[in-house]
C-alpha atoms as a PDB file:
ATOM      1  CA  MET A   1      57.326 -90.359 -21.382  1.00  0.00           C
ATOM      2  CA  SER A   2      56.374 -86.724 -21.844  1.00  0.00           C
ATOM      3  CA  GLU A   3      55.240 -84.445 -19.052  1.00  0.00           C
ATOM      4  CA  LEU A   4      51.898 -83.997 -20.855  1.00  0.00           C
ATOM      5  CA  ARG A   5      51.362 -87.757 -21.088  1.00  0.00           C
ATOM      6  CA  ASP A   6      52.203 -88.110 -17.385  1.00  0.00           C
ATOM      7  CA  GLN A   7      49.680 -85.395 -16.580  1.00  0.00           C
ATOM      8  CA  LEU A   8      46.942 -87.061 -18.656  1.00  0.00           C
ATOM      9  CA  GLN A   9      47.719 -90.484 -17.167  1.00  0.00           C
ATOM     10  CA  GLY A  10      47.499 -88.969 -13.689  1.00  0.00           C
ATOM     11  CA  ILE A  11      44.043 -87.549 -14.412  1.00  0.00           C
ATOM     12  CA  ILE A  12      42.821 -90.829 -15.922  1.00  0.00           C
ATOM     13  CA  GLU A  13      44.070 -92.878 -12.979  1.00  0.00           C
ATOM     14  CA  GLY A  14      43.451 -90.352 -10.207  1.00  0.00           C
ATOM     15  CA  GLU A  15      39.939 -89.083 -10.904  1.00  0.00           C
ATOM     16  CA  ASP A  16      36.738 -91.016 -10.272  1.00  0.00           C
ATOM     17  CA  VAL A  17      35.239 -89.901 -13.597  1.00  0.00           C
ATOM     18  CA  ALA A  18      37.391 -88.094 -16.160  1.00  0.00           C
ATOM     19  CA  LEU A  19      35.718 -86.531 -19.184  1.00  0.00           C
ATOM     20  CA  PHE A  20      38.047 -85.329 -21.924  1.00  0.00           C
ATOM     21  CA  MET A  21      35.890 -82.985 -23.955  1.00  0.00           C
ATOM     22  CA  LYS A  22      35.855 -80.048 -26.333  1.00  0.00           C
ATOM     23  CA  GLY A  23      35.134 -77.081 -24.107  1.00  0.00           C
ATOM     24  CA  THR A  24      34.056 -77.116 -20.473  1.00  0.00           C
ATOM     25  CA  PRO A  25      30.903 -78.247 -18.659  1.00  0.00           C
ATOM     26  CA  GLN A  26      29.797 -74.606 -18.573  1.00  0.00           C
ATOM     27  CA  PHE A  27      30.521 -74.075 -22.282  1.00  0.00           C
ATOM     28  CA  ALA A  28      30.734 -77.276 -24.314  1.00  0.00           C
ATOM     29  CA  MET A  29      32.128 -76.632 -27.801  1.00  0.00           C
ATOM     30  CA  CYS A  30      30.818 -79.837 -29.372  1.00  0.00           C
ATOM     31  CA  GLY A  31      27.489 -81.634 -29.387  1.00  0.00           C
ATOM     32  CA  ASN A  32      29.040 -85.022 -28.626  1.00  0.00           C
ATOM     33  CA  SER A  33      30.889 -83.617 -25.616  1.00  0.00           C
ATOM     34  CA  GLN A  34      27.608 -82.117 -24.374  1.00  0.00           C
ATOM     35  CA  ARG A  35      25.776 -85.419 -24.869  1.00  0.00           C
ATOM     36  CA  ALA A  36      28.368 -87.373 -22.877  1.00  0.00           C
ATOM     37  CA  LEU A  37      28.337 -84.741 -20.126  1.00  0.00           C
ATOM     38  CA  ASN A  38      24.528 -84.767 -19.939  1.00  0.00           C
ATOM     39  CA  ALA A  39      24.446 -88.563 -19.585  1.00  0.00           C
ATOM     40  CA  LEU A  40      27.029 -88.388 -16.791  1.00  0.00           C
ATOM     41  CA  ARG A  41      25.065 -85.592 -15.097  1.00  0.00           C
ATOM     42  CA  ARG A  42      21.819 -87.583 -15.233  1.00  0.00           C
ATOM     43  CA  ALA A  43      23.640 -90.540 -13.641  1.00  0.00           C
ATOM     44  CA  GLY A  44      24.953 -88.278 -10.850  1.00  0.00           C
ATOM     45  CA  ALA A  45      28.597 -88.864 -11.740  1.00  0.00           C
ATOM     46  CA  PRO A  46      31.286 -86.693 -10.151  1.00  0.00           C
ATOM     47  CA  VAL A  47      32.893 -85.340 -13.328  1.00  0.00           C
ATOM     48  CA  THR A  48      36.400 -83.992 -13.732  1.00  0.00           C
ATOM     49  CA  ALA A  49      36.445 -82.353 -17.154  1.00  0.00           C
ATOM     50  CA  VAL A  50      39.500 -81.626 -19.280  1.00  0.00           C
ATOM     51  CA  ASP A  51      39.193 -79.290 -22.260  1.00  0.00           C
ATOM     52  CA  ILE A  52      41.311 -80.732 -25.086  1.00  0.00           C
ATOM     53  CA  LEU A  53      41.002 -77.623 -27.292  1.00  0.00           C
ATOM     54  CA  PRO A  54      43.762 -75.350 -25.898  1.00  0.00           C
ATOM     55  CA  ASP A  55      46.582 -77.572 -27.191  1.00  0.00           C
ATOM     56  CA  PRO A  56      46.392 -80.099 -30.075  1.00  0.00           C
ATOM     57  CA  ARG A  57      49.007 -82.229 -28.312  1.00  0.00           C
ATOM     58  CA  ILE A  58      46.449 -83.081 -25.614  1.00  0.00           C
ATOM     59  CA  ARG A  59      44.275 -84.935 -28.101  1.00  0.00           C
ATOM     60  CA  GLN A  60      47.277 -86.683 -29.680  1.00  0.00           C
ATOM     61  CA  GLU A  61      48.648 -87.874 -26.342  1.00  0.00           C
ATOM     62  CA  LEU A  62      45.202 -88.857 -25.066  1.00  0.00           C
ATOM     63  CA  SER A  63      44.438 -90.956 -28.154  1.00  0.00           C
ATOM     64  CA  ALA A  64      47.881 -92.578 -27.907  1.00  0.00           C
ATOM     65  CA  LEU A  65      47.187 -93.468 -24.266  1.00  0.00           C
ATOM     66  CA  SER A  66      43.632 -94.701 -24.733  1.00  0.00           C
ATOM     67  CA  GLY A  67      43.739 -96.166 -28.216  1.00  0.00           C
ATOM     68  CA  TRP A  68      40.485 -94.252 -28.841  1.00  0.00           C
ATOM     69  CA  PRO A  69      40.592 -91.732 -31.723  1.00  0.00           C
ATOM     70  CA  THR A  70      37.584 -89.525 -31.015  1.00  0.00           C
ATOM     71  CA  ILE A  71      36.528 -86.954 -28.412  1.00  0.00           C
ATOM     72  CA  PRO A  72      34.850 -87.061 -25.949  1.00  0.00           C
ATOM     73  CA  GLN A  73      36.459 -89.831 -23.936  1.00  0.00           C
ATOM     74  CA  VAL A  74      35.042 -90.934 -20.592  1.00  0.00           C
ATOM     75  CA  PHE A  75      37.086 -92.834 -18.027  1.00  0.00           C
ATOM     76  CA  VAL A  76      35.782 -94.272 -14.766  1.00  0.00           C
ATOM     77  CA  ARG A  77      38.510 -95.053 -12.234  1.00  0.00           C
ATOM     78  CA  GLY A  78      41.103 -95.380 -14.985  1.00  0.00           C
ATOM     79  CA  GLU A  79      39.010 -97.523 -17.333  1.00  0.00           C
ATOM     80  CA  LEU A  80      37.950 -96.163 -20.724  1.00  0.00           C
ATOM     81  CA  ILE A  81      34.164 -96.347 -20.976  1.00  0.00           C
ATOM     82  CA  GLY A  82      33.899 -94.756 -24.430  1.00  0.00           C
ATOM     83  CA  GLY A  83      32.541 -91.711 -26.198  1.00  0.00           C
ATOM     84  CA  ALA A  84      29.141 -90.034 -26.396  1.00  0.00           C
ATOM     85  CA  ASP A  85      27.261 -92.826 -28.203  1.00  0.00           C
ATOM     86  CA  ILE A  86      28.508 -95.528 -25.842  1.00  0.00           C
ATOM     87  CA  VAL A  87      27.909 -93.467 -22.707  1.00  0.00           C
ATOM     88  CA  GLU A  88      24.345 -92.665 -23.827  1.00  0.00           C
ATOM     89  CA  GLU A  89      23.718 -96.317 -24.669  1.00  0.00           C
ATOM     90  CA  LEU A  90      25.027 -97.380 -21.243  1.00  0.00           C
ATOM     91  CA  GLU A  91      22.778 -94.781 -19.630  1.00  0.00           C
ATOM     92  CA  ARG A  92      19.689 -96.037 -21.495  1.00  0.00           C
ATOM     93  CA  SER A  93      20.347 -99.623 -20.438  1.00  0.00           C
ATOM     94  CA  GLY A  94      21.033 -98.656 -16.810  1.00  0.00           C
ATOM     95  CA  GLU A  95      24.590 -99.940 -17.116  1.00  0.00           C
ATOM     96  CA  LEU A  96      26.190 -96.499 -16.649  1.00  0.00           C
ATOM     97  CA  GLU A  97      24.652 -96.025 -13.225  1.00  0.00           C
ATOM     98  CA  ARG A  98      25.459 -99.633 -12.236  1.00  0.00           C
ATOM     99  CA  THR A  99      29.080 -99.147 -13.316  1.00  0.00           C
ATOM    100  CA  LEU A 100      29.367 -95.881 -11.401  1.00  0.00           C
ATOM    101  CA  HIS A 101      27.897 -97.422  -8.251  1.00  0.00           C
ATOM    102  CA  ALA A 102      30.117-100.508  -8.554  1.00  0.00           C
ATOM    103  CA  LYS A 103      33.303 -98.473  -9.000  1.00  0.00           C
ATOM    104  CA  LEU A 104      32.538 -95.438  -6.843  1.00  0.00           C
ATOM    105  CA  GLY A 105      30.124 -96.697  -4.213  1.00  0.00           C
ATOM    106  CA  GLU A 106      26.565 -95.689  -3.510  1.00  0.00           C
ATOM    107  CA  GLN A 107      27.176 -91.983  -2.989  1.00  0.00           C
ATOM    108  CA  LEU A 108      27.434 -90.186  -6.322  1.00  0.00           C
ATOM    109  CA  SER A 109      28.088 -86.519  -5.693  1.00  0.00           C
ATOM    110  CA  GLY A 110      27.293 -85.066  -9.095  1.00  0.00           C
ATOM    111  CA  GLU A 111      30.150 -82.576  -8.530  1.00  0.00           C
ATOM    112  CA  GLU A 112      31.833 -81.051 -11.538  1.00  0.00           C
ATOM    113  CA  ARG A 113      35.241 -79.515 -11.820  1.00  0.00           C
ATOM    114  CA  VAL A 114      37.577 -78.541 -14.639  1.00  0.00           C
ATOM    115  CA  VAL A 115      41.258 -79.420 -14.696  1.00  0.00           C
ATOM    116  CA  ALA A 116      43.608 -77.535 -16.993  1.00  0.00           C
ATOM    117  CA  VAL A 117      46.367 -79.451 -18.727  1.00  0.00           C
ATOM    118  CA  SER A 118      49.484 -77.714 -19.975  1.00  0.00           C
END
């Protein structure tokens, strides 16, 4: 397995909420990435964001790992939740917050950080 794939797998498995997006939380480069981020923010999720734009291999390896072709991709404790449409739908139904509380406990920090992948 490649070093990049190991790095991505580590983020997926090691972070409470991993958001693979185009851009960063401070400067999203895609409307769908912004929509997914906003839904996670409203739910109070602690988000670890990874910008997939610096290297096209990131997207290739991520899609190979997840089986999901599009960006953004949201993972909660290693489980793929989906992209922007699914995350927004889960938020509307209340399921996003229930999932976050079930997997992460009652205290949702709302913290955001960016992890660079190389």
